[in-house]
Amino acid sequence: MITRSKLVEQLRDYQIRSQHKYSALTIFSPKPHVNTRVDVAVAVIFALSFCILSVLACITLYFRRFWIFLVVVCLSISLFIRLKVSRQALARKRERRLPLSI
């Protein structure tokens, strides 16, 4: 017989497995969990933009353009902070929802 505790345990196991599916991309995802292909595409776009900004920063340092280097570094830091803030906001919004009743 299926009891409520077994259902809760199965739900927790499923959530844990689904969280680690794209663990490398969760750093660049604006959502706390990467579940769909759209989430993966958005995370890949942000990862590529971060990599491009990093390469651009190295190139500007090579050519000794320090002001441009500072601007590029500030852009990449602001991108990373924006992703973290949006992830936290979505996590707070998710916490406010009422739990499902069985």
N, C-alpha and C. Protein backbone atom coordinates (compact mmCIF):
# COMPACT_ATOMS: atom_id res chain seq x y z
N MET A 1 0.84 -1.18 0.00
CA MET A 1 0.00 0.00 0.00
C MET A 1 0.89 1.24 0.00
N ILE A 2 0.47 2.21 -0.77
CA ILE A 2 1.23 3.44 -0.88
C ILE A 2 0.79 4.39 0.24
N THR A 3 1.76 4.77 1.05
CA THR A 3 1.45 5.70 2.14
C THR A 3 2.00 7.07 1.79
N ARG A 4 1.59 8.01 2.59
CA ARG A 4 2.00 9.40 2.36
C ARG A 4 3.51 9.55 2.52
N SER A 5 4.10 8.87 3.49
CA SER A 5 5.55 8.98 3.70
C SER A 5 6.34 8.43 2.52
N LYS A 6 5.83 7.35 1.89
CA LYS A 6 6.50 6.81 0.73
C LYS A 6 6.42 7.78 -0.45
N LEU A 7 5.28 8.43 -0.61
CA LEU A 7 5.13 9.41 -1.68
C LEU A 7 6.06 10.60 -1.47
N VAL A 8 6.16 11.05 -0.22
CA VAL A 8 7.05 12.17 0.08
C VAL A 8 8.50 11.79 -0.18
N GLU A 9 8.87 10.58 0.17
CA GLU A 9 10.24 10.12 -0.05
C GLU A 9 10.54 10.02 -1.54
N GLN A 10 9.59 9.51 -2.32
CA GLN A 10 9.78 9.43 -3.76
C GLN A 10 9.89 10.82 -4.38
N LEU A 11 9.09 11.76 -3.89
CA LEU A 11 9.15 13.12 -4.40
C LEU A 11 10.51 13.76 -4.10
N ARG A 12 11.01 13.55 -2.90
CA ARG A 12 12.33 14.09 -2.54
C ARG A 12 13.43 13.48 -3.40
N ASP A 13 13.37 12.19 -3.62
CA ASP A 13 14.37 11.54 -4.48
C ASP A 13 14.31 12.10 -5.90
N TYR A 14 13.13 12.29 -6.42
CA TYR A 14 12.97 12.83 -7.77
C TYR A 14 13.52 14.25 -7.84
N GLN A 15 13.25 15.06 -6.83
CA GLN A 15 13.75 16.43 -6.83
C GLN A 15 15.27 16.47 -6.75
N ILE A 16 15.84 15.59 -5.96
CA ILE A 16 17.30 15.55 -5.85
C ILE A 16 17.93 15.12 -7.17
N ARG A 17 17.34 14.12 -7.82
CA ARG A 17 17.88 13.67 -9.11
C ARG A 17 17.74 14.74 -10.18
N SER A 18 16.63 15.45 -10.18
CA SER A 18 16.41 16.46 -11.21
C SER A 18 17.29 17.69 -11.01
N GLN A 19 17.70 17.96 -9.78
CA GLN A 19 18.54 19.11 -9.52
C GLN A 19 19.95 18.92 -10.08
N HIS A 20 20.46 17.71 -10.10
CA HIS A 20 21.82 17.46 -10.52
C HIS A 20 21.92 17.09 -12.00
N LYS A 21 20.87 17.30 -12.75
CA LYS A 21 20.89 16.91 -14.15
C LYS A 21 21.85 17.78 -14.96
N TYR A 22 21.77 19.08 -14.78
CA TYR A 22 22.65 20.02 -15.48
C TYR A 22 23.37 20.88 -14.45
N SER A 23 24.10 20.28 -13.55
CA SER A 23 24.70 21.01 -12.45
C SER A 23 25.72 22.04 -12.91
N ALA A 24 26.42 21.80 -14.01
CA ALA A 24 27.41 22.76 -14.49
C ALA A 24 26.74 24.00 -15.07
N LEU A 25 25.56 23.84 -15.62
CA LEU A 25 24.87 24.98 -16.23
C LEU A 25 24.08 25.82 -15.23
N THR A 26 23.88 25.33 -14.02
CA THR A 26 23.08 26.10 -13.07
C THR A 26 23.79 27.38 -12.64
N ILE A 27 25.10 27.44 -12.81
CA ILE A 27 25.82 28.66 -12.49
C ILE A 27 25.40 29.79 -13.42
N PHE A 28 25.17 29.47 -14.68
CA PHE A 28 24.84 30.47 -15.68
C PHE A 28 23.35 30.57 -15.98
N SER A 29 22.53 29.87 -15.25
CA SER A 29 21.10 29.90 -15.48
C SER A 29 20.42 30.94 -14.61
N PRO A 30 19.47 31.71 -15.14
CA PRO A 30 18.74 32.65 -14.30
C PRO A 30 17.73 31.98 -13.38
N LYS A 31 17.46 30.70 -13.61
CA LYS A 31 16.53 29.96 -12.76
C LYS A 31 17.32 29.08 -11.81
N PRO A 32 16.77 28.78 -10.63
CA PRO A 32 17.52 27.94 -9.68
C PRO A 32 17.71 26.50 -10.15
N HIS A 33 16.81 26.00 -11.00
CA HIS A 33 16.92 24.63 -11.50
C HIS A 33 16.75 24.64 -13.01
N VAL A 34 17.60 23.90 -13.70
CA VAL A 34 17.52 23.80 -15.15
C VAL A 34 16.70 22.57 -15.47
N ASN A 35 15.49 22.78 -15.98
CA ASN A 35 14.58 21.67 -16.23
C ASN A 35 14.28 21.44 -17.70
N THR A 36 14.12 22.49 -18.48
CA THR A 36 13.69 22.36 -19.86
C THR A 36 14.82 22.70 -20.81
N ARG A 37 14.57 22.47 -22.08
CA ARG A 37 15.56 22.81 -23.10
C ARG A 37 15.75 24.31 -23.22
N VAL A 38 14.70 25.05 -22.98
CA VAL A 38 14.81 26.51 -23.03
C VAL A 38 15.74 27.01 -21.93
N ASP A 39 15.62 26.43 -20.75
CA ASP A 39 16.51 26.79 -19.65
C ASP A 39 17.96 26.47 -20.00
N VAL A 40 18.18 25.33 -20.64
CA VAL A 40 19.53 24.95 -21.05
C VAL A 40 20.06 25.93 -22.09
N ALA A 41 19.21 26.31 -23.06
CA ALA A 41 19.64 27.24 -24.10
C ALA A 41 20.01 28.60 -23.50
N VAL A 42 19.20 29.08 -22.58
CA VAL A 42 19.48 30.37 -21.94
C VAL A 42 20.77 30.29 -21.14
N ALA A 43 20.99 29.20 -20.43
CA ALA A 43 22.21 29.03 -19.65
C ALA A 43 23.44 28.97 -20.57
N VAL A 44 23.32 28.29 -21.69
CA VAL A 44 24.44 28.20 -22.63
C VAL A 44 24.75 29.57 -23.23
N ILE A 45 23.71 30.35 -23.53
CA ILE A 45 23.93 31.71 -24.06
C ILE A 45 24.65 32.58 -23.04
N PHE A 46 24.23 32.52 -21.79
CA PHE A 46 24.91 33.29 -20.76
C PHE A 46 26.34 32.80 -20.55
N ALA A 47 26.57 31.50 -20.62
CA ALA A 47 27.93 30.98 -20.46
C ALA A 47 28.83 31.44 -21.61
N LEU A 48 28.30 31.41 -22.83
CA LEU A 48 29.09 31.88 -23.97
C LEU A 48 29.38 33.37 -23.87
N SER A 49 28.40 34.15 -23.44
CA SER A 49 28.65 35.59 -23.30
C SER A 49 29.69 35.86 -22.22
N PHE A 50 29.66 35.09 -21.13
CA PHE A 50 30.67 35.25 -20.09
C PHE A 50 32.05 34.87 -20.61
N CYS A 51 32.14 33.81 -21.39
CA CYS A 51 33.42 33.42 -21.97
C CYS A 51 33.93 34.46 -22.96
N ILE A 52 33.05 35.02 -23.76
CA ILE A 52 33.45 36.06 -24.71
C ILE A 52 33.97 37.28 -23.96
N LEU A 53 33.29 37.66 -22.88
CA LEU A 53 33.76 38.79 -22.09
C LEU A 53 35.11 38.51 -21.45
N SER A 54 35.34 37.29 -21.03
CA SER A 54 36.64 36.93 -20.44
C SER A 54 37.76 37.00 -21.47
N VAL A 55 37.51 36.50 -22.67
CA VAL A 55 38.51 36.56 -23.74
C VAL A 55 38.76 38.01 -24.13
N LEU A 56 37.70 38.81 -24.20
CA LEU A 56 37.85 40.22 -24.53
C LEU A 56 38.67 40.95 -23.48
N ALA A 57 38.49 40.60 -22.22
CA ALA A 57 39.29 41.20 -21.15
C ALA A 57 40.77 40.86 -21.31
N CYS A 58 41.05 39.61 -21.65
CA CYS A 58 42.45 39.21 -21.87
C CYS A 58 43.06 39.96 -23.05
N ILE A 59 42.30 40.12 -24.11
CA ILE A 59 42.80 40.83 -25.29
C ILE A 59 43.08 42.29 -24.97
N THR A 60 42.18 42.93 -24.23
CA THR A 60 42.41 44.33 -23.88
C THR A 60 43.61 44.49 -22.95
N LEU A 61 43.86 43.52 -22.08
CA LEU A 61 45.07 43.58 -21.26
C LEU A 61 46.33 43.40 -22.12
N TYR A 62 46.25 42.56 -23.11
CA TYR A 62 47.40 42.35 -24.00
C TYR A 62 47.76 43.63 -24.73
N PHE A 63 46.75 44.37 -25.19
CA PHE A 63 47.00 45.62 -25.90
C PHE A 63 47.11 46.83 -24.97
N ARG A 64 47.12 46.57 -23.66
CA ARG A 64 47.31 47.59 -22.62
C ARG A 64 46.26 48.71 -22.70
N ARG A 65 45.02 48.32 -22.87
CA ARG A 65 43.88 49.25 -22.82
C ARG A 65 43.17 49.01 -21.50
N PHE A 66 43.69 49.65 -20.45
CA PHE A 66 43.23 49.35 -19.10
C PHE A 66 41.81 49.83 -18.84
N TRP A 67 41.39 50.94 -19.42
CA TRP A 67 40.03 51.43 -19.20
C TRP A 67 39.02 50.50 -19.83
N ILE A 68 39.32 50.02 -21.02
CA ILE A 68 38.41 49.07 -21.67
C ILE A 68 38.39 47.76 -20.88
N PHE A 69 39.55 47.36 -20.36
CA PHE A 69 39.61 46.17 -19.53
C PHE A 69 38.71 46.31 -18.30
N LEU A 70 38.76 47.46 -17.65
CA LEU A 70 37.92 47.68 -16.47
C LEU A 70 36.43 47.65 -16.82
N VAL A 71 36.07 48.21 -17.95
CA VAL A 71 34.67 48.19 -18.38
C VAL A 71 34.22 46.76 -18.65
N VAL A 72 35.04 45.98 -19.33
CA VAL A 72 34.68 44.59 -19.64
C VAL A 72 34.57 43.76 -18.37
N VAL A 73 35.48 43.96 -17.43
CA VAL A 73 35.43 43.22 -16.17
C VAL A 73 34.17 43.61 -15.39
N CYS A 74 33.84 44.89 -15.38
CA CYS A 74 32.61 45.33 -14.70
C CYS A 74 31.36 44.73 -15.35
N LEU A 75 31.36 44.64 -16.68
CA LEU A 75 30.23 44.01 -17.37
C LEU A 75 30.10 42.53 -17.01
N SER A 76 31.21 41.83 -16.96
CA SER A 76 31.13 40.40 -16.64
C SER A 76 30.72 40.19 -15.18
N ILE A 77 31.19 41.03 -14.28
CA ILE A 77 30.78 40.92 -12.88
C ILE A 77 29.30 41.26 -12.73
N SER A 78 28.83 42.28 -13.44
CA SER A 78 27.41 42.64 -13.35
C SER A 78 26.53 41.54 -13.95
N LEU A 79 27.00 40.87 -15.00
CA LEU A 79 26.25 39.74 -15.56
C LEU A 79 26.12 38.62 -14.54
N PHE A 80 27.21 38.32 -13.86
CA PHE A 80 27.20 37.26 -12.86
C PHE A 80 26.29 37.62 -11.69
N ILE A 81 26.35 38.88 -11.23
CA ILE A 81 25.50 39.32 -10.12
C ILE A 81 24.04 39.31 -10.53
N ARG A 82 23.74 39.74 -11.76
CA ARG A 82 22.35 39.74 -12.24
C ARG A 82 21.77 38.33 -12.25
N LEU A 83 22.56 37.36 -12.69
CA LEU A 83 22.10 35.98 -12.71
C LEU A 83 21.83 35.48 -11.29
N LYS A 84 22.71 35.82 -10.37
CA LYS A 84 22.54 35.36 -8.99
C LYS A 84 21.31 35.99 -8.35
N VAL A 85 21.07 37.28 -8.59
CA VAL A 85 19.91 37.97 -8.02
C VAL A 85 18.62 37.41 -8.60
N SER A 86 18.58 37.17 -9.91
CA SER A 86 17.36 36.63 -10.51
C SER A 86 17.09 35.21 -10.01
N ARG A 87 18.15 34.43 -9.80
CA ARG A 87 17.98 33.08 -9.26
C ARG A 87 17.41 33.13 -7.84
N GLN A 88 17.91 34.06 -7.02
CA GLN A 88 17.40 34.18 -5.65
C GLN A 88 15.96 34.68 -5.63
N ALA A 89 15.62 35.60 -6.54
CA ALA A 89 14.25 36.11 -6.59
C ALA A 89 13.27 35.00 -6.97
N LEU A 90 13.64 34.18 -7.94
CA LEU A 90 12.76 33.07 -8.31
C LEU A 90 12.66 32.04 -7.20
N ALA A 91 13.73 31.84 -6.46
CA ALA A 91 13.68 30.89 -5.34
C ALA A 91 12.77 31.42 -4.24
N ARG A 92 12.81 32.72 -3.98
CA ARG A 92 11.91 33.30 -2.97
C ARG A 92 10.46 33.21 -3.41
N LYS A 93 10.22 33.43 -4.70
CA LYS A 93 8.85 33.35 -5.22
C LYS A 93 8.33 31.93 -5.10
N ARG A 94 9.20 30.95 -5.33
CA ARG A 94 8.81 29.55 -5.24
C ARG A 94 8.50 29.17 -3.79
N GLU A 95 9.23 29.74 -2.83
CA GLU A 95 8.99 29.43 -1.42
C GLU A 95 7.64 29.94 -0.94
N ARG A 96 7.16 31.01 -1.52
CA ARG A 96 5.88 31.59 -1.09
C ARG A 96 4.68 30.74 -1.48
N ARG A 97 4.84 29.88 -2.46
CA ARG A 97 3.71 29.05 -2.89
C ARG A 97 3.31 28.09 -1.79
N LEU A 98 2.04 27.81 -1.74
CA LEU A 98 1.55 26.84 -0.75
C LEU A 98 1.90 25.43 -1.20
N PRO A 99 2.22 24.55 -0.28
CA PRO A 99 2.53 23.18 -0.67
C PRO A 99 1.28 22.44 -1.17
N LEU A 100 1.52 21.47 -2.02
CA LEU A 100 0.41 20.68 -2.55
C LEU A 100 -0.15 19.77 -1.47
N SER A 101 -1.44 19.69 -1.42
CA SER A 101 -2.05 18.78 -0.46
C SER A 101 -2.33 17.45 -1.13
N ILE A 102 -2.14 16.41 -0.38
CA ILE A 102 -2.35 15.06 -0.93
C ILE A 102 -3.71 14.56 -0.53
